[in-house]
Amino acid sequence: LPGATDGILYYLTPRFQMLHKPKVWVDAATQIFFSLG
């Protein structure tokens, strides 16, 4: 699809400043537990 490359680059580009937010870690843990079970 047109524009797909921009979306994939947005997906793969890390924003390391978000790691300063505890909620990101909480969301990551919750997702892992929901995903793995």
Full PDB file with SEQRES, HELIX, SHEET, SSBOND, CRYST1, ORIGX, SCALE, CONECT and MASTER records, all heavy atoms in Angstrom:
SEQRES   1 A   37  LEU PRO GLY ALA THR ASP GLY ILE LEU TYR TYR LEU THR          
SEQRES   2 A   37  PRO ARG PHE GLN MET LEU HIS LYS PRO LYS VAL TRP VAL          
SEQRES   3 A   37  ASP ALA ALA THR GLN ILE PHE PHE SER LEU GLY                  
HELIX    1 AA1 ALA A    4  LEU A   12  1                                   9    
HELIX    2 AA2 PHE A   16  HIS A   20  5                                   5    
HELIX    3 AA3 PRO A   22  LEU A   36  1                                  15    
CRYST1    1.000    1.000    1.000  90.00  90.00  90.00 P 1           1          
ORIGX1      1.000000  0.000000  0.000000        0.00000                         
ORIGX2      0.000000  1.000000  0.000000        0.00000                         
ORIGX3      0.000000  0.000000  1.000000        0.00000                         
SCALE1      1.000000  0.000000  0.000000        0.00000                         
SCALE2      0.000000  1.000000  0.000000        0.00000                         
SCALE3      0.000000  0.000000  1.000000        0.00000                         
ATOM      1  N   LEU A   1       0.833  -1.203   0.000  1.00  0.00           N  
ATOM      2  CA  LEU A   1       0.000   0.000   0.000  1.00  0.00           C  
ATOM      3  C   LEU A   1       0.867   1.252   0.000  1.00  0.00           C  
ATOM      4  O   LEU A   1       1.954   1.263   0.582  1.00  0.00           O  
ATOM      5  CB  LEU A   1      -0.916   0.011   1.227  1.00  0.00           C  
ATOM      6  CG  LEU A   1      -1.968  -1.091   1.311  1.00  0.00           C  
ATOM      7  CD1 LEU A   1      -2.615  -1.107   2.691  1.00  0.00           C  
ATOM      8  CD2 LEU A   1      -3.038  -0.901   0.228  1.00  0.00           C  
ATOM      9  N   PRO A   2       0.407   2.348  -0.630  1.00  0.00           N  
ATOM     10  CA  PRO A   2       1.173   3.604  -0.587  1.00  0.00           C  
ATOM     11  C   PRO A   2       1.235   4.148   0.846  1.00  0.00           C  
ATOM     12  O   PRO A   2       0.234   4.181   1.559  1.00  0.00           O  
ATOM     13  CB  PRO A   2       0.357   4.539  -1.494  1.00  0.00           C  
ATOM     14  CG  PRO A   2      -1.009   3.925  -1.578  1.00  0.00           C  
ATOM     15  CD  PRO A   2      -0.814   2.454  -1.434  1.00  0.00           C  
ATOM     16  N   GLY A   3       2.422   4.550   1.264  1.00  0.00           N  
ATOM     17  CA  GLY A   3       2.603   5.061   2.622  1.00  0.00           C  
ATOM     18  C   GLY A   3       2.978   4.000   3.631  1.00  0.00           C  
ATOM     19  O   GLY A   3       3.269   4.318   4.789  1.00  0.00           O  
ATOM     20  N   ALA A   4       2.976   2.739   3.208  1.00  0.00           N  
ATOM     21  CA  ALA A   4       3.286   1.645   4.142  1.00  0.00           C  
ATOM     22  C   ALA A   4       4.700   1.777   4.706  1.00  0.00           C  
ATOM     23  O   ALA A   4       4.941   1.494   5.881  1.00  0.00           O  
ATOM     24  CB  ALA A   4       3.122   0.298   3.449  1.00  0.00           C  
ATOM     25  N   THR A   5       5.652   2.221   3.865  1.00  0.00           N  
ATOM     26  CA  THR A   5       7.049   2.362   4.317  1.00  0.00           C  
ATOM     27  C   THR A   5       7.145   3.349   5.472  1.00  0.00           C  
ATOM     28  O   THR A   5       7.879   3.122   6.446  1.00  0.00           O  
ATOM     29  CB  THR A   5       7.946   2.821   3.157  1.00  0.00           C  
ATOM     30  OG1 THR A   5       7.818   1.895   2.072  1.00  0.00           O  
ATOM     31  CG2 THR A   5       9.404   2.887   3.589  1.00  0.00           C  
ATOM     32  N   ASP A   6       6.404   4.465   5.379  1.00  0.00           N  
ATOM     33  CA  ASP A   6       6.424   5.465   6.457  1.00  0.00           C  
ATOM     34  C   ASP A   6       5.892   4.863   7.760  1.00  0.00           C  
ATOM     35  O   ASP A   6       6.428   5.130   8.839  1.00  0.00           O  
ATOM     36  CB  ASP A   6       5.576   6.680   6.065  1.00  0.00           C  
ATOM     37  CG  ASP A   6       6.154   7.416   4.869  1.00  0.00           C  
ATOM     38  OD1 ASP A   6       7.390   7.355   4.690  1.00  0.00           O  
ATOM     39  OD2 ASP A   6       5.378   8.035   4.122  1.00  0.00           O  
ATOM     40  N   GLY A   7       4.851   4.060   7.645  1.00  0.00           N  
ATOM     41  CA  GLY A   7       4.287   3.432   8.829  1.00  0.00           C  
ATOM     42  C   GLY A   7       5.250   2.454   9.471  1.00  0.00           C  
ATOM     43  O   GLY A   7       5.389   2.417  10.710  1.00  0.00           O  
ATOM     44  N   ILE A   8       5.934   1.669   8.655  1.00  0.00           N  
ATOM     45  CA  ILE A   8       6.888   0.677   9.178  1.00  0.00           C  
ATOM     46  C   ILE A   8       8.088   1.373   9.820  1.00  0.00           C  
ATOM     47  O   ILE A   8       8.569   0.951  10.879  1.00  0.00           O  
ATOM     48  CB  ILE A   8       7.332  -0.272   8.052  1.00  0.00           C  
ATOM     49  CG1 ILE A   8       6.145  -1.159   7.626  1.00  0.00           C  
ATOM     50  CG2 ILE A   8       8.497  -1.145   8.500  1.00  0.00           C  
ATOM     51  CD1 ILE A   8       6.403  -1.994   6.403  1.00  0.00           C  
ATOM     52  N   LEU A   9       8.574   2.460   9.202  1.00  0.00           N  
ATOM     53  CA  LEU A   9       9.676   3.210   9.797  1.00  0.00           C  
ATOM     54  C   LEU A   9       9.272   3.824  11.127  1.00  0.00           C  
ATOM     55  O   LEU A   9      10.054   3.866  12.083  1.00  0.00           O  
ATOM     56  CB  LEU A   9      10.152   4.300   8.829  1.00  0.00           C  
ATOM     57  CG  LEU A   9      10.915   3.808   7.591  1.00  0.00           C  
ATOM     58  CD1 LEU A   9      11.214   4.973   6.651  1.00  0.00           C  
ATOM     59  CD2 LEU A   9      12.205   3.108   8.010  1.00  0.00           C  
ATOM     60  N   TYR A  10       8.038   4.318  11.200  1.00  0.00           N  
ATOM     61  CA  TYR A  10       7.520   4.865  12.461  1.00  0.00           C  
ATOM     62  C   TYR A  10       7.481   3.776  13.532  1.00  0.00           C  
ATOM     63  O   TYR A  10       7.796   4.010  14.698  1.00  0.00           O  
ATOM     64  CB  TYR A  10       6.112   5.431  12.224  1.00  0.00           C  
ATOM     65  CG  TYR A  10       5.476   6.060  13.451  1.00  0.00           C  
ATOM     66  CD1 TYR A  10       5.719   7.393  13.770  1.00  0.00           C  
ATOM     67  CD2 TYR A  10       4.638   5.317  14.272  1.00  0.00           C  
ATOM     68  CE1 TYR A  10       5.135   7.975  14.886  1.00  0.00           C  
ATOM     69  CE2 TYR A  10       4.051   5.883  15.393  1.00  0.00           C  
ATOM     70  CZ  TYR A  10       4.299   7.206  15.692  1.00  0.00           C  
ATOM     71  OH  TYR A  10       3.728   7.775  16.806  1.00  0.00           O  
ATOM     72  N   TYR A  11       7.100   2.586  13.123  1.00  0.00           N  
ATOM     73  CA  TYR A  11       7.011   1.431  14.037  1.00  0.00           C  
ATOM     74  C   TYR A  11       8.397   1.024  14.556  1.00  0.00           C  
ATOM     75  O   TYR A  11       8.565   0.710  15.739  1.00  0.00           O  
ATOM     76  CB  TYR A  11       6.352   0.271  13.282  1.00  0.00           C  
ATOM     77  CG  TYR A  11       6.346  -1.059  13.990  1.00  0.00           C  
ATOM     78  CD1 TYR A  11       5.920  -1.187  15.314  1.00  0.00           C  
ATOM     79  CD2 TYR A  11       6.744  -2.219  13.319  1.00  0.00           C  
ATOM     80  CE1 TYR A  11       5.903  -2.428  15.945  1.00  0.00           C  
ATOM     81  CE2 TYR A  11       6.722  -3.457  13.933  1.00  0.00           C  
ATOM     82  CZ  TYR A  11       6.298  -3.551  15.258  1.00  0.00           C  
ATOM     83  OH  TYR A  11       6.280  -4.780  15.872  1.00  0.00           O  
ATOM     84  N   LEU A  12       9.409   1.052  13.684  1.00  0.00           N  
ATOM     85  CA  LEU A  12      10.735   0.548  14.031  1.00  0.00           C  
ATOM     86  C   LEU A  12      11.648   1.594  14.662  1.00  0.00           C  
ATOM     87  O   LEU A  12      12.722   1.263  15.162  1.00  0.00           O  
ATOM     88  CB  LEU A  12      11.418  -0.022  12.787  1.00  0.00           C  
ATOM     89  CG  LEU A  12      10.762  -1.244  12.144  1.00  0.00           C  
ATOM     90  CD1 LEU A  12      11.512  -1.655  10.889  1.00  0.00           C  
ATOM     91  CD2 LEU A  12      10.708  -2.416  13.126  1.00  0.00           C  
ATOM     92  N   THR A  13      11.256   2.869  14.621  1.00  0.00           N  
ATOM     93  CA  THR A  13      12.108   3.933  15.177  1.00  0.00           C  
ATOM     94  C   THR A  13      11.870   4.067  16.680  1.00  0.00           C  
ATOM     95  O   THR A  13      10.770   4.425  17.115  1.00  0.00           O  
ATOM     96  CB  THR A  13      11.819   5.285  14.496  1.00  0.00           C  
ATOM     97  OG1 THR A  13      11.990   5.144  13.086  1.00  0.00           O  
ATOM     98  CG2 THR A  13      12.744   6.363  15.033  1.00  0.00           C  
ATOM     99  N   PRO A  14      12.872   3.743  17.505  1.00  0.00           N  
ATOM    100  CA  PRO A  14      12.673   3.805  18.962  1.00  0.00           C  
ATOM    101  C   PRO A  14      12.646   5.243  19.479  1.00  0.00           C  
ATOM    102  O   PRO A  14      13.301   6.129  18.914  1.00  0.00           O  
ATOM    103  CB  PRO A  14      13.883   3.051  19.506  1.00  0.00           C  
ATOM    104  CG  PRO A  14      14.935   3.207  18.466  1.00  0.00           C  
ATOM    105  CD  PRO A  14      14.222   3.279  17.154  1.00  0.00           C  
ATOM    106  N   ARG A  15      11.879   5.452  20.551  1.00  0.00           N  
ATOM    107  CA  ARG A  15      11.861   6.734  21.270  1.00  0.00           C  
ATOM    108  C   ARG A  15      12.327   6.438  22.693  1.00  0.00           C  
ATOM    109  O   ARG A  15      11.521   6.162  23.578  1.00  0.00           O  
ATOM    110  CB  ARG A  15      10.458   7.340  21.247  1.00  0.00           C  
ATOM    111  CG  ARG A  15      10.042   7.875  19.884  1.00  0.00           C  
ATOM    112  CD  ARG A  15       8.675   8.498  19.915  1.00  0.00           C  
ATOM    113  NE  ARG A  15       7.636   7.489  20.120  1.00  0.00           N  
ATOM    114  CZ  ARG A  15       6.383   7.773  20.477  1.00  0.00           C  
ATOM    115  NH1 ARG A  15       6.024   9.020  20.683  1.00  0.00           N  
ATOM    116  NH2 ARG A  15       5.504   6.806  20.636  1.00  0.00           N  
ATOM    117  N   PHE A  16      13.632   6.515  22.896  1.00  0.00           N  
ATOM    118  CA  PHE A  16      14.218   6.092  24.171  1.00  0.00           C  
ATOM    119  C   PHE A  16      13.779   6.967  25.342  1.00  0.00           C  
ATOM    120  O   PHE A  16      13.836   6.533  26.491  1.00  0.00           O  
ATOM    121  CB  PHE A  16      15.745   6.089  24.062  1.00  0.00           C  
ATOM    122  CG  PHE A  16      16.278   5.018  23.157  1.00  0.00           C  
ATOM    123  CD1 PHE A  16      16.820   5.337  21.925  1.00  0.00           C  
ATOM    124  CD2 PHE A  16      16.214   3.682  23.525  1.00  0.00           C  
ATOM    125  CE1 PHE A  16      17.304   4.356  21.079  1.00  0.00           C  
ATOM    126  CE2 PHE A  16      16.692   2.687  22.679  1.00  0.00           C  
ATOM    127  CZ  PHE A  16      17.232   3.022  21.463  1.00  0.00           C  
ATOM    128  N   GLN A  17      13.346   8.190  25.054  1.00  0.00           N  
ATOM    129  CA  GLN A  17      12.909   9.061  26.144  1.00  0.00           C  
ATOM    130  C   GLN A  17      11.669   8.518  26.855  1.00  0.00           C  
ATOM    131  O   GLN A  17      11.407   8.855  28.013  1.00  0.00           O  
ATOM    132  CB  GLN A  17      12.643  10.485  25.635  1.00  0.00           C  
ATOM    133  CG  GLN A  17      11.445  10.624  24.689  1.00  0.00           C  
ATOM    134  CD  GLN A  17      11.804  10.385  23.233  1.00  0.00           C  
ATOM    135  OE1 GLN A  17      12.843   9.795  22.946  1.00  0.00           O  
ATOM    136  NE2 GLN A  17      10.963  10.843  22.320  1.00  0.00           N  
ATOM    137  N   MET A  18      10.920   7.650  26.170  1.00  0.00           N  
ATOM    138  CA  MET A  18       9.721   7.069  26.785  1.00  0.00           C  
ATOM    139  C   MET A  18      10.078   6.113  27.919  1.00  0.00           C  
ATOM    140  O   MET A  18       9.235   5.811  28.767  1.00  0.00           O  
ATOM    141  CB  MET A  18       8.901   6.337  25.724  1.00  0.00           C  
ATOM    142  CG  MET A  18       8.355   7.217  24.624  1.00  0.00           C  
ATOM    143  SD  MET A  18       7.212   8.464  25.232  1.00  0.00           S  
ATOM    144  CE  MET A  18       5.825   7.434  25.712  1.00  0.00           C  
ATOM    145  N   LEU A  19      11.329   5.621  27.939  1.00  0.00           N  
ATOM    146  CA  LEU A  19      11.736   4.691  28.997  1.00  0.00           C  
ATOM    147  C   LEU A  19      11.828   5.375  30.355  1.00  0.00           C  
ATOM    148  O   LEU A  19      11.929   4.709  31.386  1.00  0.00           O  
ATOM    149  CB  LEU A  19      13.084   4.052  28.649  1.00  0.00           C  
ATOM    150  CG  LEU A  19      13.095   3.160  27.400  1.00  0.00           C  
ATOM    151  CD1 LEU A  19      14.492   2.630  27.136  1.00  0.00           C  
ATOM    152  CD2 LEU A  19      12.123   1.995  27.559  1.00  0.00           C  
ATOM    153  N   HIS A  20      11.796   6.696  30.383  1.00  0.00           N  
ATOM    154  CA  HIS A  20      11.804   7.424  31.660  1.00  0.00           C  
ATOM    155  C   HIS A  20      10.429   7.396  32.330  1.00  0.00           C  
ATOM    156  O   HIS A  20      10.309   7.767  33.494  1.00  0.00           O  
ATOM    157  CB  HIS A  20      12.237   8.880  31.437  1.00  0.00           C  
ATOM    158  CG  HIS A  20      13.652   9.028  30.983  1.00  0.00           C  
ATOM    159  ND1 HIS A  20      14.740   8.721  31.787  1.00  0.00           N  
ATOM    160  CD2 HIS A  20      14.184   9.436  29.809  1.00  0.00           C  
ATOM    161  CE1 HIS A  20      15.858   8.943  31.134  1.00  0.00           C  
ATOM    162  NE2 HIS A  20      15.558   9.373  29.917  1.00  0.00           N  
ATOM    163  N   LYS A  21       9.416   6.987  31.587  1.00  0.00           N  
ATOM    164  CA  LYS A  21       8.057   6.979  32.132  1.00  0.00           C  
ATOM    165  C   LYS A  21       7.738   5.609  32.723  1.00  0.00           C  
ATOM    166  O   LYS A  21       7.732   4.603  31.999  1.00  0.00           O  
ATOM    167  CB  LYS A  21       7.044   7.316  31.035  1.00  0.00           C  
ATOM    168  CG  LYS A  21       7.218   8.717  30.459  1.00  0.00           C  
ATOM    169  CD  LYS A  21       6.121   9.043  29.454  1.00  0.00           C  
ATOM    170  CE  LYS A  21       6.272  10.467  28.938  1.00  0.00           C  
ATOM    171  NZ  LYS A  21       5.185  10.824  27.987  1.00  0.00           N  
ATOM    172  N   PRO A  22       7.476   5.539  34.039  1.00  0.00           N  
ATOM    173  CA  PRO A  22       7.178   4.236  34.671  1.00  0.00           C  
ATOM    174  C   PRO A  22       5.988   3.521  34.043  1.00  0.00           C  
ATOM    175  O   PRO A  22       5.940   2.301  34.006  1.00  0.00           O  
ATOM    176  CB  PRO A  22       6.893   4.611  36.133  1.00  0.00           C  
ATOM    177  CG  PRO A  22       7.607   5.907  36.336  1.00  0.00           C  
ATOM    178  CD  PRO A  22       7.529   6.622  35.025  1.00  0.00           C  
ATOM    179  N   LYS A  23       5.012   4.298  33.538  1.00  0.00           N  
ATOM    180  CA  LYS A  23       3.811   3.674  32.970  1.00  0.00           C  
ATOM    181  C   LYS A  23       4.153   2.806  31.766  1.00  0.00           C  
ATOM    182  O   LYS A  23       3.482   1.797  31.514  1.00  0.00           O  
ATOM    183  CB  LYS A  23       2.797   4.742  32.557  1.00  0.00           C  
ATOM    184  CG  LYS A  23       1.436   4.169  32.202  1.00  0.00           C  
ATOM    185  CD  LYS A  23       0.431   5.261  31.908  1.00  0.00           C  
ATOM    186  CE  LYS A  23      -0.952   4.652  31.666  1.00  0.00           C  
ATOM    187  NZ  LYS A  23      -0.991   3.670  30.582  1.00  0.00           N  
ATOM    188  N   VAL A  24       5.213   3.154  31.024  1.00  0.00           N  
ATOM    189  CA  VAL A  24       5.632   2.344  29.886  1.00  0.00           C  
ATOM    190  C   VAL A  24       6.061   0.961  30.362  1.00  0.00           C  
ATOM    191  O   VAL A  24       5.737  -0.061  29.744  1.00  0.00           O  
ATOM    192  CB  VAL A  24       6.782   3.043  29.126  1.00  0.00           C  
ATOM    193  CG1 VAL A  24       7.366   2.126  28.061  1.00  0.00           C  
ATOM    194  CG2 VAL A  24       6.281   4.328  28.486  1.00  0.00           C  
ATOM    195  N   TRP A  25       6.786   0.916  31.491  1.00  0.00           N  
ATOM    196  CA  TRP A  25       7.238  -0.354  32.044  1.00  0.00           C  
ATOM    197  C   TRP A  25       6.069  -1.168  32.581  1.00  0.00           C  
ATOM    198  O   TRP A  25       6.027  -2.390  32.430  1.00  0.00           O  
ATOM    199  CB  TRP A  25       8.270  -0.101  33.145  1.00  0.00           C  
ATOM    200  CG  TRP A  25       9.530   0.511  32.629  1.00  0.00           C  
ATOM    201  CD1 TRP A  25       9.785   1.847  32.467  1.00  0.00           C  
ATOM    202  CD2 TRP A  25      10.692  -0.168  32.167  1.00  0.00           C  
ATOM    203  NE1 TRP A  25      11.041   2.033  31.942  1.00  0.00           N  
ATOM    204  CE2 TRP A  25      11.621   0.812  31.754  1.00  0.00           C  
ATOM    205  CE3 TRP A  25      11.043  -1.508  32.080  1.00  0.00           C  
ATOM    206  CZ2 TRP A  25      12.874   0.485  31.250  1.00  0.00           C  
ATOM    207  CZ3 TRP A  25      12.297  -1.833  31.583  1.00  0.00           C  
ATOM    208  CH2 TRP A  25      13.202  -0.853  31.168  1.00  0.00           C  
ATOM    209  N   VAL A  26       5.126  -0.484  33.218  1.00  0.00           N  
ATOM    210  CA  VAL A  26       3.929  -1.174  33.726  1.00  0.00           C  
ATOM    211  C   VAL A  26       3.131  -1.765  32.575  1.00  0.00           C  
ATOM    212  O   VAL A  26       2.687  -2.924  32.623  1.00  0.00           O  
ATOM    213  CB  VAL A  26       3.042  -0.201  34.546  1.00  0.00           C  
ATOM    214  CG1 VAL A  26       1.731  -0.868  34.937  1.00  0.00           C  
ATOM    215  CG2 VAL A  26       3.781   0.263  35.796  1.00  0.00           C  
ATOM    216  N   ASP A  27       2.963  -0.985  31.509  1.00  0.00           N  
ATOM    217  CA  ASP A  27       2.230  -1.479  30.340  1.00  0.00           C  
ATOM    218  C   ASP A  27       2.956  -2.655  29.688  1.00  0.00           C  
ATOM    219  O   ASP A  27       2.320  -3.616  29.233  1.00  0.00           O  
ATOM    220  CB  ASP A  27       2.043  -0.354  29.312  1.00  0.00           C  
ATOM    221  CG  ASP A  27       1.053   0.689  29.772  1.00  0.00           C  
ATOM    222  OD1 ASP A  27       0.295   0.396  30.723  1.00  0.00           O  
ATOM    223  OD2 ASP A  27       1.039   1.795  29.212  1.00  0.00           O  
ATOM    224  N   ALA A  28       4.282  -2.584  29.652  1.00  0.00           N  
ATOM    225  CA  ALA A  28       5.068  -3.670  29.058  1.00  0.00           C  
ATOM    226  C   ALA A  28       4.909  -4.956  29.861  1.00  0.00           C  
ATOM    227  O   ALA A  28       4.733  -6.041  29.303  1.00  0.00           O  
ATOM    228  CB  ALA A  28       6.540  -3.272  28.990  1.00  0.00           C  
ATOM    229  N   ALA A  29       4.956  -4.833  31.197  1.00  0.00           N  
ATOM    230  CA  ALA A  29       4.806  -6.012  32.060  1.00  0.00           C  
ATOM    231  C   ALA A  29       3.418  -6.616  31.912  1.00  0.00           C  
ATOM    232  O   ALA A  29       3.257  -7.836  31.780  1.00  0.00           O  
ATOM    233  CB  ALA A  29       5.064  -5.635  33.514  1.00  0.00           C  
ATOM    234  N   THR A  30       2.402  -5.759  31.934  1.00  0.00           N  
ATOM    235  CA  THR A  30       1.027  -6.242  31.817  1.00  0.00           C  
ATOM    236  C   THR A  30       0.812  -6.944  30.494  1.00  0.00           C  
ATOM    237  O   THR A  30       0.178  -7.998  30.424  1.00  0.00           O  
ATOM    238  CB  THR A  30       0.028  -5.061  31.955  1.00  0.00           C  
ATOM    239  OG1 THR A  30       0.286  -4.376  33.180  1.00  0.00           O  
ATOM    240  CG2 THR A  30      -1.403  -5.565  31.959  1.00  0.00           C  
ATOM    241  N   GLN A  31       1.380  -6.372  29.411  1.00  0.00           N  
ATOM    242  CA  GLN A  31       1.245  -6.987  28.089  1.00  0.00           C  
ATOM    243  C   GLN A  31       1.926  -8.351  28.037  1.00  0.00           C  
ATOM    244  O   GLN A  31       1.376  -9.312  27.491  1.00  0.00           O  
ATOM    245  CB  GLN A  31       1.831  -6.055  27.025  1.00  0.00           C  
ATOM    246  CG  GLN A  31       1.960  -6.677  25.643  1.00  0.00           C  
ATOM    247  CD  GLN A  31       0.641  -7.161  25.062  1.00  0.00           C  
ATOM    248  OE1 GLN A  31      -0.408  -6.659  25.452  1.00  0.00           O  
ATOM    249  NE2 GLN A  31       0.678  -8.122  24.165  1.00  0.00           N  
ATOM    250  N   ILE A  32       3.124  -8.447  28.632  1.00  0.00           N  
ATOM    251  CA  ILE A  32       3.844  -9.724  28.646  1.00  0.00           C  
ATOM    252  C   ILE A  32       3.046 -10.774  29.406  1.00  0.00           C  
ATOM    253  O   ILE A  32       2.914 -11.924  28.970  1.00  0.00           O  
ATOM    254  CB  ILE A  32       5.252  -9.542  29.267  1.00  0.00           C  
ATOM    255  CG1 ILE A  32       6.206  -8.930  28.249  1.00  0.00           C  
ATOM    256  CG2 ILE A  32       5.810 -10.867  29.768  1.00  0.00           C  
ATOM    257  CD1 ILE A  32       6.528  -9.826  27.063  1.00  0.00           C  
ATOM    258  N   PHE A  33       2.469 -10.389  30.539  1.00  0.00           N  
ATOM    259  CA  PHE A  33       1.708 -11.350  31.340  1.00  0.00           C  
ATOM    260  C   PHE A  33       0.419 -11.764  30.631  1.00  0.00           C  
ATOM    261  O   PHE A  33       0.019 -12.918  30.663  1.00  0.00           O  
ATOM    262  CB  PHE A  33       1.407 -10.778  32.728  1.00  0.00           C  
ATOM    263  CG  PHE A  33       2.636 -10.592  33.563  1.00  0.00           C  
ATOM    264  CD1 PHE A  33       2.827  -9.451  34.313  1.00  0.00           C  
ATOM    265  CD2 PHE A  33       3.631 -11.551  33.572  1.00  0.00           C  
ATOM    266  CE1 PHE A  33       3.967  -9.274  35.077  1.00  0.00           C  
ATOM    267  CE2 PHE A  33       4.785 -11.387  34.320  1.00  0.00           C  
ATOM    268  CZ  PHE A  33       4.956 -10.245  35.075  1.00  0.00           C  
ATOM    269  N   PHE A  34      -0.228 -10.803  29.984  1.00  0.00           N  
ATOM    270  CA  PHE A  34      -1.436 -11.144  29.224  1.00  0.00           C  
ATOM    271  C   PHE A  34      -1.087 -12.019  28.030  1.00  0.00           C  
ATOM    272  O   PHE A  34      -1.842 -12.917  27.663  1.00  0.00           O  
ATOM    273  CB  PHE A  34      -2.129  -9.868  28.736  1.00  0.00           C  
ATOM    274  CG  PHE A  34      -3.208  -9.381  29.657  1.00  0.00           C  
ATOM    275  CD1 PHE A  34      -2.923  -8.499  30.679  1.00  0.00           C  
ATOM    276  CD2 PHE A  34      -4.512  -9.810  29.515  1.00  0.00           C  
ATOM    277  CE1 PHE A  34      -3.902  -8.048  31.533  1.00  0.00           C  
ATOM    278  CE2 PHE A  34      -5.501  -9.374  30.367  1.00  0.00           C  
ATOM    279  CZ  PHE A  34      -5.206  -8.489  31.378  1.00  0.00           C  
ATOM    280  N   SER A  35       0.053 -11.753  27.411  1.00  0.00           N  
ATOM    281  CA  SER A  35       0.429 -12.458  26.199  1.00  0.00           C  
ATOM    282  C   SER A  35       0.939 -13.873  26.492  1.00  0.00           C  
ATOM    283  O   SER A  35       0.526 -14.832  25.843  1.00  0.00           O  
ATOM    284  CB  SER A  35       1.503 -11.646  25.467  1.00  0.00           C  
ATOM    285  OG  SER A  35       1.754 -12.172  24.203  1.00  0.00           O  
ATOM    286  N   LEU A  36       1.831 -13.990  27.491  1.00  0.00           N  
ATOM    287  CA  LEU A  36       2.400 -15.300  27.816  1.00  0.00           C  
ATOM    288  C   LEU A  36       1.492 -16.123  28.726  1.00  0.00           C  
ATOM    289  O   LEU A  36       1.507 -17.351  28.675  1.00  0.00           O  
ATOM    290  CB  LEU A  36       3.773 -15.135  28.480  1.00  0.00           C  
ATOM    291  CG  LEU A  36       4.905 -14.615  27.596  1.00  0.00           C  
ATOM    292  CD1 LEU A  36       6.204 -14.540  28.396  1.00  0.00           C  
ATOM    293  CD2 LEU A  36       5.097 -15.499  26.376  1.00  0.00           C  
ATOM    294  N   GLY A  37       0.742 -15.468  29.589  1.00  0.00           N  
ATOM    295  CA  GLY A  37      -0.243 -16.198  30.387  1.00  0.00           C  
ATOM    296  C   GLY A  37       0.104 -16.562  31.813  1.00  0.00           C  
ATOM    297  O   GLY A  37      -0.721 -17.171  32.490  1.00  0.00           O  
TER     298      GLY A  37                                                      
MASTER        0    0    0    3    0    0    0    6  297    1    0    3          
END                                                                             
